[in-house]
Amino acid sequence: MHEPIVDAELWDAAHAVLVGNRNQRAGRTRSTEPALLRGLIFTETGAAMTPHHIKKGNRRYCYYVSMDVIQKRPMAELRGPQRLPAAMVEEAIIGEIRRLLRTPEIIAGTARALKKERPDLDEGTVTTSLMQFDDLWKALFPAEQARVVQLLVARVTVGEDGLDIDLRRDGLGALASLMTPVRENAA
């Protein structure tokens, strides 16, 4: 037998810290690497898809994987894609958000909804604000981008036919309101 490198008291203290703050450490890791669709993306069978990543060399590959795969459910019961590259899915979602924010129906509906909260906004102002989404998106940090997606997207369902995106109507109004400064009344 050899001499221990670390005495038993220090070893036990270190393991107590590791066990005691496991959730805190996991939360810190998640917060430094935000996933845009965390908690929003599901398979067509209703199983949640969770963000995962692998590292190969210096590169990090991110993807969303179905909880069906993680829990090793029988493959015969699974339908549709079970693993998707995160960048591909996230770009598709952001592209669809951009497209929807430019549609006249969304702009008019958002302007009507905002009229109750912000009577100072007219449809032209809301249109201008929503058209500036690309500039806003580029200026945001990843955590802020994830917050905007959480504000705008209610659910993403992945099926064999593609992605179904359910938007939050109230989120559109909140985003437009945040992007439009409050006008001060001229006296």
C-alpha atoms as a PDB file:
ATOM      1  CA  MET A   1       0.000   0.000   0.000  1.00  0.00           C
ATOM      2  CA  HIS A   2       1.188   3.555  -0.691  1.00  0.00           C
ATOM      3  CA  GLU A   3       0.849   6.884   1.132  1.00  0.00           C
ATOM      4  CA  PRO A   4      -2.360   8.769   0.213  1.00  0.00           C
ATOM      5  CA  ILE A   5      -1.848  11.978  -1.791  1.00  0.00           C
ATOM      6  CA  VAL A   6      -4.828  13.673  -0.136  1.00  0.00           C
ATOM      7  CA  ASP A   7      -5.851  12.984   3.435  1.00  0.00           C
ATOM      8  CA  ALA A   8      -9.326  11.530   4.106  1.00  0.00           C
ATOM      9  CA  GLU A   9     -10.676  14.727   5.717  1.00  0.00           C
ATOM     10  CA  LEU A  10      -9.866  16.902   2.679  1.00  0.00           C
ATOM     11  CA  TRP A  11     -11.198  14.202   0.331  1.00  0.00           C
ATOM     12  CA  ASP A  12     -14.521  14.035   2.187  1.00  0.00           C
ATOM     13  CA  ALA A  13     -14.804  17.840   2.284  1.00  0.00           C
ATOM     14  CA  ALA A  14     -14.206  18.108  -1.476  1.00  0.00           C
ATOM     15  CA  HIS A  15     -16.836  15.476  -2.244  1.00  0.00           C
ATOM     16  CA  ALA A  16     -19.334  17.159   0.058  1.00  0.00           C
ATOM     17  CA  VAL A  17     -18.930  20.375  -1.962  1.00  0.00           C
ATOM     18  CA  LEU A  18     -19.302  18.529  -5.261  1.00  0.00           C
ATOM     19  CA  VAL A  19     -22.451  16.716  -4.159  1.00  0.00           C
ATOM     20  CA  GLY A  20     -23.915  19.757  -2.417  1.00  0.00           C
ATOM     21  CA  ASN A  21     -23.830  22.145  -5.359  1.00  0.00           C
ATOM     22  CA  ARG A  22     -24.407  19.822  -8.319  1.00  0.00           C
ATOM     23  CA  ASN A  23     -27.539  21.723  -9.389  1.00  0.00           C
ATOM     24  CA  GLN A  24     -25.797  25.071  -9.027  1.00  0.00           C
ATOM     25  CA  ARG A  25     -22.906  23.945 -11.200  1.00  0.00           C
ATOM     26  CA  ALA A  26     -25.295  22.520 -13.805  1.00  0.00           C
ATOM     27  CA  GLY A  27     -27.218  25.797 -13.852  1.00  0.00           C
ATOM     28  CA  ARG A  28     -24.034  27.792 -14.397  1.00  0.00           C
ATOM     29  CA  THR A  29     -23.086  25.568 -17.321  1.00  0.00           C
ATOM     30  CA  ARG A  30     -26.505  25.935 -18.916  1.00  0.00           C
ATOM     31  CA  SER A  31     -26.500  29.687 -18.484  1.00  0.00           C
ATOM     32  CA  THR A  32     -23.126  30.113 -20.220  1.00  0.00           C
ATOM     33  CA  GLU A  33     -24.252  28.082 -23.229  1.00  0.00           C
ATOM     34  CA  PRO A  34     -27.854  29.094 -23.890  1.00  0.00           C
ATOM     35  CA  ALA A  35     -29.824  27.004 -26.347  1.00  0.00           C
ATOM     36  CA  LEU A  36     -32.385  29.027 -28.257  1.00  0.00           C
ATOM     37  CA  LEU A  37     -35.041  26.322 -28.189  1.00  0.00           C
ATOM     38  CA  ARG A  38     -34.571  24.900 -24.688  1.00  0.00           C
ATOM     39  CA  GLY A  39     -37.989  23.812 -23.475  1.00  0.00           C
ATOM     40  CA  LEU A  40     -39.703  24.746 -26.752  1.00  0.00           C
ATOM     41  CA  ILE A  41     -38.899  21.923 -29.173  1.00  0.00           C
ATOM     42  CA  PHE A  42     -40.791  18.604 -29.281  1.00  0.00           C
ATOM     43  CA  THR A  43     -41.186  15.610 -31.566  1.00  0.00           C
ATOM     44  CA  GLU A  44     -44.540  14.936 -33.218  1.00  0.00           C
ATOM     45  CA  THR A  45     -45.202  12.273 -30.557  1.00  0.00           C
ATOM     46  CA  GLY A  46     -44.891  14.957 -27.874  1.00  0.00           C
ATOM     47  CA  ALA A  47     -41.464  14.001 -26.539  1.00  0.00           C
ATOM     48  CA  ALA A  48     -39.289  16.954 -25.565  1.00  0.00           C
ATOM     49  CA  MET A  49     -36.033  17.505 -27.412  1.00  0.00           C
ATOM     50  CA  THR A  50     -33.141  18.666 -25.315  1.00  0.00           C
ATOM     51  CA  PRO A  51     -29.921  20.423 -26.340  1.00  0.00           C
ATOM     52  CA  HIS A  52     -26.740  18.346 -26.362  1.00  0.00           C
ATOM     53  CA  HIS A  53     -23.254  18.809 -27.685  1.00  0.00           C
ATOM     54  CA  ILE A  54     -20.106  16.871 -28.388  1.00  0.00           C
ATOM     55  CA  LYS A  55     -16.554  18.077 -28.785  1.00  0.00           C
ATOM     56  CA  LYS A  56     -14.201  16.806 -31.430  1.00  0.00           C
ATOM     57  CA  GLY A  57     -10.839  18.440 -31.121  1.00  0.00           C
ATOM     58  CA  ASN A  58     -11.417  22.162 -30.748  1.00  0.00           C
ATOM     59  CA  ARG A  59     -14.847  22.082 -32.412  1.00  0.00           C
ATOM     60  CA  ARG A  60     -18.140  21.879 -30.584  1.00  0.00           C
ATOM     61  CA  TYR A  61     -21.123  20.308 -32.344  1.00  0.00           C
ATOM     62  CA  CYS A  62     -24.539  21.184 -30.924  1.00  0.00           C
ATOM     63  CA  TYR A  63     -27.769  19.335 -31.621  1.00  0.00           C
ATOM     64  CA  TYR A  64     -31.218  18.650 -30.215  1.00  0.00           C
ATOM     65  CA  VAL A  65     -32.029  15.074 -29.278  1.00  0.00           C
ATOM     66  CA  SER A  66     -35.376  13.525 -28.383  1.00  0.00           C
ATOM     67  CA  MET A  67     -35.949  12.339 -24.841  1.00  0.00           C
ATOM     68  CA  ASP A  68     -37.225   9.129 -26.449  1.00  0.00           C
ATOM     69  CA  VAL A  69     -33.670   8.424 -27.606  1.00  0.00           C
ATOM     70  CA  ILE A  70     -32.154   9.437 -24.262  1.00  0.00           C
ATOM     71  CA  GLN A  71     -34.549   7.154 -22.393  1.00  0.00           C
ATOM     72  CA  LYS A  72     -33.875   4.364 -24.926  1.00  0.00           C
ATOM     73  CA  ARG A  73     -37.478   3.798 -25.943  1.00  0.00           C
ATOM     74  CA  PRO A  74     -38.043   1.111 -28.601  1.00  0.00           C
ATOM     75  CA  MET A  75     -37.214   2.408 -32.078  1.00  0.00           C
ATOM     76  CA  ALA A  76     -40.468   0.970 -33.477  1.00  0.00           C
ATOM     77  CA  GLU A  77     -42.446   3.554 -31.448  1.00  0.00           C
ATOM     78  CA  LEU A  78     -40.426   6.555 -32.668  1.00  0.00           C
ATOM     79  CA  ARG A  79     -41.575   8.743 -35.558  1.00  0.00           C
ATOM     80  CA  GLY A  80     -39.834  11.590 -37.289  1.00  0.00           C
ATOM     81  CA  PRO A  81     -36.356  12.965 -36.681  1.00  0.00           C
ATOM     82  CA  GLN A  82     -34.881  12.162 -33.282  1.00  0.00           C
ATOM     83  CA  ARG A  83     -31.648  14.188 -33.585  1.00  0.00           C
ATOM     84  CA  LEU A  84     -31.270  17.516 -35.344  1.00  0.00           C
ATOM     85  CA  PRO A  85     -28.300  19.865 -35.793  1.00  0.00           C
ATOM     86  CA  ALA A  86     -28.974  22.852 -33.546  1.00  0.00           C
ATOM     87  CA  ALA A  87     -27.656  25.452 -35.988  1.00  0.00           C
ATOM     88  CA  MET A  88     -29.916  24.221 -38.781  1.00  0.00           C
ATOM     89  CA  VAL A  89     -33.065  24.197 -36.617  1.00  0.00           C
ATOM     90  CA  GLU A  90     -32.306  27.534 -34.934  1.00  0.00           C
ATOM     91  CA  GLU A  91     -31.603  29.249 -38.269  1.00  0.00           C
ATOM     92  CA  ALA A  92     -34.886  27.912 -39.644  1.00  0.00           C
ATOM     93  CA  ILE A  93     -36.785  29.222 -36.607  1.00  0.00           C
ATOM     94  CA  ILE A  94     -35.163  32.675 -36.782  1.00  0.00           C
ATOM     95  CA  GLY A  95     -35.795  32.791 -40.537  1.00  0.00           C
ATOM     96  CA  GLU A  96     -39.464  31.987 -39.976  1.00  0.00           C
ATOM     97  CA  ILE A  97     -39.725  34.624 -37.224  1.00  0.00           C
ATOM     98  CA  ARG A  98     -38.194  37.188 -39.612  1.00  0.00           C
ATOM     99  CA  ARG A  99     -40.652  36.210 -42.352  1.00  0.00           C
ATOM    100  CA  LEU A 100     -43.661  36.352 -40.029  1.00  0.00           C
ATOM    101  CA  LEU A 101     -42.690  39.731 -38.592  1.00  0.00           C
ATOM    102  CA  ARG A 102     -42.949  41.171 -42.113  1.00  0.00           C
ATOM    103  CA  THR A 103     -46.437  39.848 -42.908  1.00  0.00           C
ATOM    104  CA  PRO A 104     -49.226  42.447 -42.950  1.00  0.00           C
ATOM    105  CA  GLU A 105     -51.527  40.265 -40.803  1.00  0.00           C
ATOM    106  CA  ILE A 106     -48.965  39.964 -38.001  1.00  0.00           C
ATOM    107  CA  ILE A 107     -48.108  43.660 -38.136  1.00  0.00           C
ATOM    108  CA  ALA A 108     -51.781  44.705 -38.046  1.00  0.00           C
ATOM    109  CA  GLY A 109     -52.616  42.249 -35.242  1.00  0.00           C
ATOM    110  CA  THR A 110     -49.619  43.375 -33.202  1.00  0.00           C
ATOM    111  CA  ALA A 111     -50.545  47.052 -33.711  1.00  0.00           C
ATOM    112  CA  ARG A 112     -54.146  46.384 -32.593  1.00  0.00           C
ATOM    113  CA  ALA A 113     -52.979  44.485 -29.511  1.00  0.00           C
ATOM    114  CA  LEU A 114     -50.479  47.206 -28.591  1.00  0.00           C
ATOM    115  CA  LYS A 115     -53.025  50.004 -29.021  1.00  0.00           C
ATOM    116  CA  LYS A 116     -54.582  49.060 -25.661  1.00  0.00           C
ATOM    117  CA  GLU A 117     -51.279  49.249 -23.752  1.00  0.00           C
ATOM    118  CA  ARG A 118     -49.497  51.907 -25.786  1.00  0.00           C
ATOM    119  CA  PRO A 119     -51.956  54.361 -27.390  1.00  0.00           C
ATOM    120  CA  ASP A 120     -48.958  56.410 -28.596  1.00  0.00           C
ATOM    121  CA  LEU A 121     -48.122  53.707 -31.175  1.00  0.00           C
ATOM    122  CA  ASP A 122     -49.704  53.642 -34.602  1.00  0.00           C
ATOM    123  CA  GLU A 123     -49.402  50.875 -37.196  1.00  0.00           C
ATOM    124  CA  GLY A 124     -46.570  52.688 -38.998  1.00  0.00           C
ATOM    125  CA  THR A 125     -44.476  52.864 -35.844  1.00  0.00           C
ATOM    126  CA  VAL A 126     -45.098  49.185 -35.090  1.00  0.00           C
ATOM    127  CA  THR A 127     -44.203  48.277 -38.691  1.00  0.00           C
ATOM    128  CA  THR A 128     -40.944  50.217 -38.453  1.00  0.00           C
ATOM    129  CA  SER A 129     -40.095  48.541 -35.149  1.00  0.00           C
ATOM    130  CA  LEU A 130     -40.791  45.029 -36.399  1.00  0.00           C
ATOM    131  CA  MET A 131     -38.777  45.654 -39.581  1.00  0.00           C
ATOM    132  CA  GLN A 132     -35.762  46.481 -37.389  1.00  0.00           C
ATOM    133  CA  PHE A 133     -35.750  42.950 -35.936  1.00  0.00           C
ATOM    134  CA  ASP A 134     -32.640  41.947 -37.927  1.00  0.00           C
ATOM    135  CA  ASP A 135     -30.634  44.868 -36.515  1.00  0.00           C
ATOM    136  CA  LEU A 136     -31.826  44.054 -33.004  1.00  0.00           C
ATOM    137  CA  TRP A 137     -31.012  40.356 -33.407  1.00  0.00           C
ATOM    138  CA  LYS A 138     -27.435  41.048 -34.532  1.00  0.00           C
ATOM    139  CA  ALA A 139     -26.840  43.329 -31.534  1.00  0.00           C
ATOM    140  CA  LEU A 140     -27.981  40.810 -28.904  1.00  0.00           C
ATOM    141  CA  PHE A 141     -25.810  38.442 -26.880  1.00  0.00           C
ATOM    142  CA  PRO A 142     -26.715  34.718 -27.117  1.00  0.00           C
ATOM    143  CA  ALA A 143     -28.522  34.763 -23.760  1.00  0.00           C
ATOM    144  CA  GLU A 144     -30.588  37.759 -24.882  1.00  0.00           C
ATOM    145  CA  GLN A 145     -31.368  36.039 -28.192  1.00  0.00           C
ATOM    146  CA  ALA A 146     -32.604  33.008 -26.255  1.00  0.00           C
ATOM    147  CA  ARG A 147     -34.830  35.314 -24.179  1.00  0.00           C
ATOM    148  CA  VAL A 148     -36.330  36.859 -27.340  1.00  0.00           C
ATOM    149  CA  VAL A 149     -37.046  33.394 -28.777  1.00  0.00           C
ATOM    150  CA  GLN A 150     -38.697  32.374 -25.484  1.00  0.00           C
ATOM    151  CA  LEU A 151     -40.799  35.538 -25.743  1.00  0.00           C
ATOM    152  CA  LEU A 152     -41.862  34.897 -29.353  1.00  0.00           C
ATOM    153  CA  VAL A 153     -42.144  31.104 -29.686  1.00  0.00           C
ATOM    154  CA  ALA A 154     -44.669  28.997 -27.796  1.00  0.00           C
ATOM    155  CA  ARG A 155     -43.686  25.615 -29.260  1.00  0.00           C
ATOM    156  CA  VAL A 156     -41.768  24.008 -32.107  1.00  0.00           C
ATOM    157  CA  THR A 157     -42.924  20.572 -33.259  1.00  0.00           C
ATOM    158  CA  VAL A 158     -40.561  18.492 -35.372  1.00  0.00           C
ATOM    159  CA  GLY A 159     -42.208  16.024 -37.723  1.00  0.00           C
ATOM    160  CA  GLU A 160     -41.468  14.067 -40.842  1.00  0.00           C
ATOM    161  CA  ASP A 161     -42.920  16.949 -42.884  1.00  0.00           C
ATOM    162  CA  GLY A 162     -40.782  19.651 -41.256  1.00  0.00           C
ATOM    163  CA  LEU A 163     -41.124  22.134 -38.413  1.00  0.00           C
ATOM    164  CA  ASP A 164     -44.354  23.601 -37.045  1.00  0.00           C
ATOM    165  CA  ILE A 165     -43.826  26.852 -35.162  1.00  0.00           C
ATOM    166  CA  ASP A 166     -46.439  28.239 -32.787  1.00  0.00           C
ATOM    167  CA  LEU A 167     -45.829  31.919 -32.044  1.00  0.00           C
ATOM    168  CA  ARG A 168     -46.949  33.812 -28.972  1.00  0.00           C
ATOM    169  CA  ARG A 169     -49.154  36.697 -30.080  1.00  0.00           C
ATOM    170  CA  ASP A 170     -48.585  38.525 -26.806  1.00  0.00           C
ATOM    171  CA  GLY A 171     -44.828  38.075 -27.285  1.00  0.00           C
ATOM    172  CA  LEU A 172     -44.957  39.956 -30.574  1.00  0.00           C
ATOM    173  CA  GLY A 173     -46.587  42.908 -28.856  1.00  0.00           C
ATOM    174  CA  ALA A 174     -44.078  42.841 -26.039  1.00  0.00           C
ATOM    175  CA  LEU A 175     -41.185  42.734 -28.510  1.00  0.00           C
ATOM    176  CA  ALA A 176     -42.568  45.615 -30.571  1.00  0.00           C
ATOM    177  CA  SER A 177     -43.202  47.599 -27.396  1.00  0.00           C
ATOM    178  CA  LEU A 178     -39.635  47.010 -26.214  1.00  0.00           C
ATOM    179  CA  MET A 179     -38.239  48.051 -29.587  1.00  0.00           C
ATOM    180  CA  THR A 180     -40.294  51.260 -29.716  1.00  0.00           C
ATOM    181  CA  PRO A 181     -39.339  54.057 -27.339  1.00  0.00           C
ATOM    182  CA  VAL A 182     -42.110  55.797 -25.443  1.00  0.00           C
ATOM    183  CA  ARG A 183     -42.953  59.175 -26.927  1.00  0.00           C
ATOM    184  CA  GLU A 184     -42.985  62.044 -24.499  1.00  0.00           C
ATOM    185  CA  ASN A 185     -45.944  64.387 -24.790  1.00  0.00           C
ATOM    186  CA  ALA A 186     -45.003  67.801 -26.067  1.00  0.00           C
ATOM    187  CA  ALA A 187     -46.244  70.540 -23.741  1.00  0.00           C
END
